[in-house]
Protein backbone atom coordinates (compact mmCIF):
# COMPACT_ATOMS: atom_id res chain seq x y z
CA MET A 1 0.00 0.00 0.00
CA ARG A 2 2.80 2.41 0.92
CA LEU A 3 4.70 1.59 -2.28
CA ARG A 4 1.55 2.16 -4.36
CA ARG A 5 0.99 5.54 -2.67
CA GLY A 6 4.61 6.46 -3.28
CA LEU A 7 4.34 5.57 -6.96
CA ALA A 8 1.04 7.44 -7.29
CA HIS A 9 2.59 10.48 -5.58
CA LEU A 10 5.59 10.42 -7.92
CA LEU A 11 3.29 10.12 -10.94
CA ALA A 12 0.98 12.89 -9.68
CA VAL A 13 3.89 15.26 -9.15
CA THR A 14 5.11 14.53 -12.67
CA VAL A 15 1.63 15.08 -14.11
CA VAL A 16 1.02 18.35 -12.27
CA MET A 17 4.47 19.70 -13.08
CA SER A 18 3.94 18.95 -16.78
CA GLY A 19 0.51 20.63 -16.82
CA GLY A 20 -1.34 17.36 -17.20
CA VAL A 21 -4.48 16.23 -15.52
CA VAL A 22 -4.46 13.78 -12.69
CA GLY A 23 -6.88 10.94 -13.17
CA VAL A 24 -7.60 7.59 -11.60
CA VAL A 25 -9.03 4.52 -13.22
CA ALA A 26 -10.68 1.70 -11.36
CA GLY A 27 -12.03 -1.59 -12.59
CA THR A 28 -15.28 -3.07 -11.39
CA ALA A 29 -13.27 -5.67 -9.47
CA THR A 30 -11.67 -2.92 -7.37
CA PRO A 31 -13.98 -1.63 -4.65
CA ALA A 32 -13.87 2.15 -4.21
CA HIS A 33 -12.90 1.79 -0.55
CA ALA A 34 -9.66 0.02 -1.62
CA LEU A 35 -8.56 2.99 -3.75
CA ASN A 36 -6.55 6.00 -2.62
CA CYS A 37 -8.99 8.89 -3.05
CA TYR A 38 -8.36 12.63 -2.76
CA ASP A 39 -10.55 15.70 -3.29
CA GLY A 40 -9.76 18.41 -5.83
CA TRP A 41 -10.72 20.23 -9.03
CA LEU A 42 -9.78 20.27 -12.73
CA ARG A 43 -9.06 23.28 -14.93
CA SER A 44 -8.57 23.46 -18.69
CA ASP A 45 -5.25 25.12 -19.44
CA ALA A 46 -6.55 26.04 -22.92
CA ASN A 47 -9.28 28.40 -21.63
CA GLY A 48 -8.33 28.76 -17.94
CA ARG A 49 -11.76 27.59 -16.76
CA TYR A 50 -12.66 25.04 -14.10
CA VAL A 51 -14.50 21.85 -15.06
CA SER A 52 -18.12 21.73 -13.86
CA THR A 53 -20.66 18.91 -13.62
CA GLU A 54 -23.81 20.24 -15.31
CA LEU A 55 -26.51 19.28 -12.81
CA ASN A 56 -29.31 21.28 -14.49
CA TYR A 57 -28.94 19.71 -17.93
CA THR A 58 -31.45 17.08 -19.05
CA GLY A 59 -31.50 14.17 -21.50
CA VAL A 60 -28.21 12.96 -23.01
CA ASP A 61 -26.38 16.04 -21.68
CA LYS A 62 -27.38 15.46 -18.04
CA TYR A 63 -24.26 15.59 -15.80
CA MET A 64 -21.99 16.59 -18.70
CA LEU A 65 -18.52 17.85 -17.71
CA ARG A 66 -17.61 21.28 -19.13
CA ALA A 67 -14.62 23.60 -18.69
CA ARG A 68 -16.77 26.70 -18.14
CA ARG A 69 -16.40 28.09 -14.60
CA THR A 70 -14.50 31.36 -14.18
CA GLY A 71 -13.32 32.71 -10.84
CA SER A 72 -12.84 30.06 -8.18
CA PRO A 73 -14.23 26.51 -8.11
CA GLY A 74 -17.60 26.02 -6.41
CA ALA A 75 -19.65 22.96 -5.44
CA TRP A 76 -20.16 21.79 -9.06
CA GLU A 77 -16.37 21.89 -9.66
CA GLN A 78 -15.36 19.49 -6.86
CA TYR A 79 -14.16 15.99 -7.70
CA GLU A 80 -12.71 12.97 -5.96
CA PHE A 81 -9.67 11.41 -7.67
CA CYS A 82 -9.24 7.73 -6.84
CA TRP A 83 -5.88 6.22 -7.70
CA GLY A 84 -5.06 2.55 -8.07
CA VAL A 85 -7.80 1.29 -10.35
CA ASN A 86 -7.08 -2.26 -11.49
CA ASN A 87 -4.20 -2.21 -8.98
CA ASN A 88 -2.38 0.18 -11.33
CA PRO A 89 -1.00 3.35 -9.70
CA ALA A 90 -1.19 5.18 -13.06
CA GLN A 91 -4.93 4.61 -13.43
CA VAL A 92 -7.58 6.86 -11.90
CA ALA A 93 -11.35 7.10 -11.58
CA ILE A 94 -12.98 10.47 -11.01
CA ARG A 95 -16.18 11.00 -9.02
CA SER A 96 -18.17 14.22 -9.06
CA LYS A 97 -18.76 15.51 -5.55
CA ALA A 98 -21.78 17.40 -6.90
CA ASN A 99 -23.79 14.18 -7.50
CA PHE A 100 -21.43 11.45 -6.17
CA LEU A 101 -21.37 9.57 -9.50
CA TRP A 102 -18.31 8.36 -11.43
CA VAL A 103 -17.22 10.17 -14.60
CA SER A 104 -17.80 8.11 -17.76
CA ALA A 105 -16.69 8.57 -21.35
CA GLU A 106 -19.86 8.06 -23.42
CA LEU A 107 -18.42 5.73 -26.07
CA GLY A 108 -21.85 4.59 -27.26
CA TYR A 109 -22.76 8.10 -28.46
CA GLY A 110 -22.11 9.17 -32.04
CA GLY A 111 -21.21 12.42 -33.74
CA GLY A 112 -20.29 15.47 -31.69
CA ARG A 113 -21.10 13.76 -28.39
CA TYR A 114 -18.91 10.69 -28.93
CA GLY A 115 -16.72 10.28 -25.85
CA MET A 116 -18.53 13.06 -23.90
CA LEU A 117 -17.59 12.93 -20.22
CA ARG A 118 -20.56 12.67 -17.86
CA ALA A 119 -20.74 12.03 -14.12
CA ARG A 120 -23.38 9.30 -14.34
CA ALA A 121 -21.97 5.89 -13.31
CA THR A 122 -22.56 4.08 -10.03
CA SER A 123 -19.54 1.77 -10.48
CA ILE A 124 -16.12 1.87 -12.11
CA GLY A 125 -15.48 0.07 -15.39
CA PRO A 126 -13.39 0.73 -18.53
CA TRP A 127 -15.49 3.77 -19.54
CA GLU A 128 -14.79 5.27 -16.07
CA THR A 129 -11.09 4.48 -16.02
CA PHE A 130 -8.43 6.92 -17.17
CA ASN A 131 -4.70 6.58 -17.59
CA ALA A 132 -2.74 9.49 -16.15
CA GLY A 133 0.43 10.66 -17.81
CA TYR A 134 1.09 14.06 -19.25
CA GLY A 135 -2.60 14.08 -20.16
CA LEU A 136 -5.70 12.05 -19.43
CA ARG A 137 -6.73 9.09 -21.62
CA ASN A 138 -9.71 6.79 -21.39
CA ILE A 139 -8.50 3.18 -21.21
CA LYS A 140 -11.37 1.79 -23.32
CA ASN A 141 -10.84 3.87 -26.49
CA TRP A 142 -7.33 5.16 -25.65
CA ARG A 143 -8.31 8.72 -26.65
CA TRP A 144 -7.15 11.93 -24.99
CA VAL A 145 -9.66 13.95 -22.97
CA THR A 146 -10.29 17.23 -24.78
CA ALA A 147 -12.06 20.48 -23.84
CA GLU A 148 -14.20 21.36 -26.87
CA LEU A 149 -13.46 25.07 -27.24
CA GLY A 150 -14.84 25.24 -30.78
CA TYR A 151 -18.36 24.45 -29.59
CA GLY A 152 -20.71 27.30 -28.67
CA GLY A 153 -23.48 27.88 -26.14
CA GLY A 154 -24.23 25.15 -23.63
CA LEU A 155 -21.71 22.78 -25.25
CA TYR A 156 -18.75 25.19 -24.99
CA GLY A 157 -15.91 23.50 -23.11
CA MET A 158 -17.55 20.04 -23.12
CA LEU A 159 -15.02 17.37 -22.13
CA ARG A 160 -14.73 14.44 -24.55
CA ALA A 161 -12.40 11.42 -24.76
CA ARG A 162 -11.83 11.81 -28.49
CA GLY A 163 -8.36 13.29 -29.11
CA ASP A 164 -6.00 11.40 -31.44
CA HIS A 165 -3.05 13.51 -30.30
CA TYR A 166 -2.06 15.55 -27.28
CA GLY A 167 -2.43 19.25 -28.08
CA PRO A 168 -3.47 22.50 -26.37
CA TRP A 169 -7.10 21.44 -25.83
CA GLU A 170 -5.88 18.32 -23.97
CA HIS A 171 -3.92 20.25 -21.32
CA PHE A 172 -5.45 20.25 -17.83
CA SER A 173 -4.31 21.21 -14.34
CA ASN A 174 -5.65 20.01 -11.02
CA SER A 175 -5.58 21.15 -7.44
CA GLY A 176 -2.69 18.82 -6.61
CA PRO A 177 -4.39 16.69 -3.96
CA SER A 178 -2.00 15.31 -1.41
CA LEU A 179 -1.04 11.72 -2.16
CA THR A 180 1.04 11.28 0.98
CA GLY A 181 -1.82 10.71 3.48
């Protein structure tokens, strides 16, 4: 356990220093209580905005994650990062503290919503598992998480696991939750 925390801490420091996003992936075989979880927030480096869980949206957009909050993070911008999914210190699952559901990449959606991140899952599986490195990648489709800055209106800043390469829209920062506890 101590070695896993040490490795996760080393990886998190590397990710934060490189401007990446910290993420945790957990498999359904790993109970959430066995993971190392820490509270924090995400911010898109491309637009400087905090990632929010859209609680007032309905239909397919309900609980969508968007990089849209200016100022300081509020209740909708709080997340729990759980390291050690699948017993891998580089994998993370993310739970919204606004609705206490796990963040999923919607890989069954087509078109402009393919890979949309939504806080809607009650358990952790491949769609809810992300590999942390100098960016954040979903382990099911191996695509980079992107903030959609070309979208307008209520879709501006939507997070999607759809990037083929790591570019400016795939840069995120986090609050640097302590991994030493």
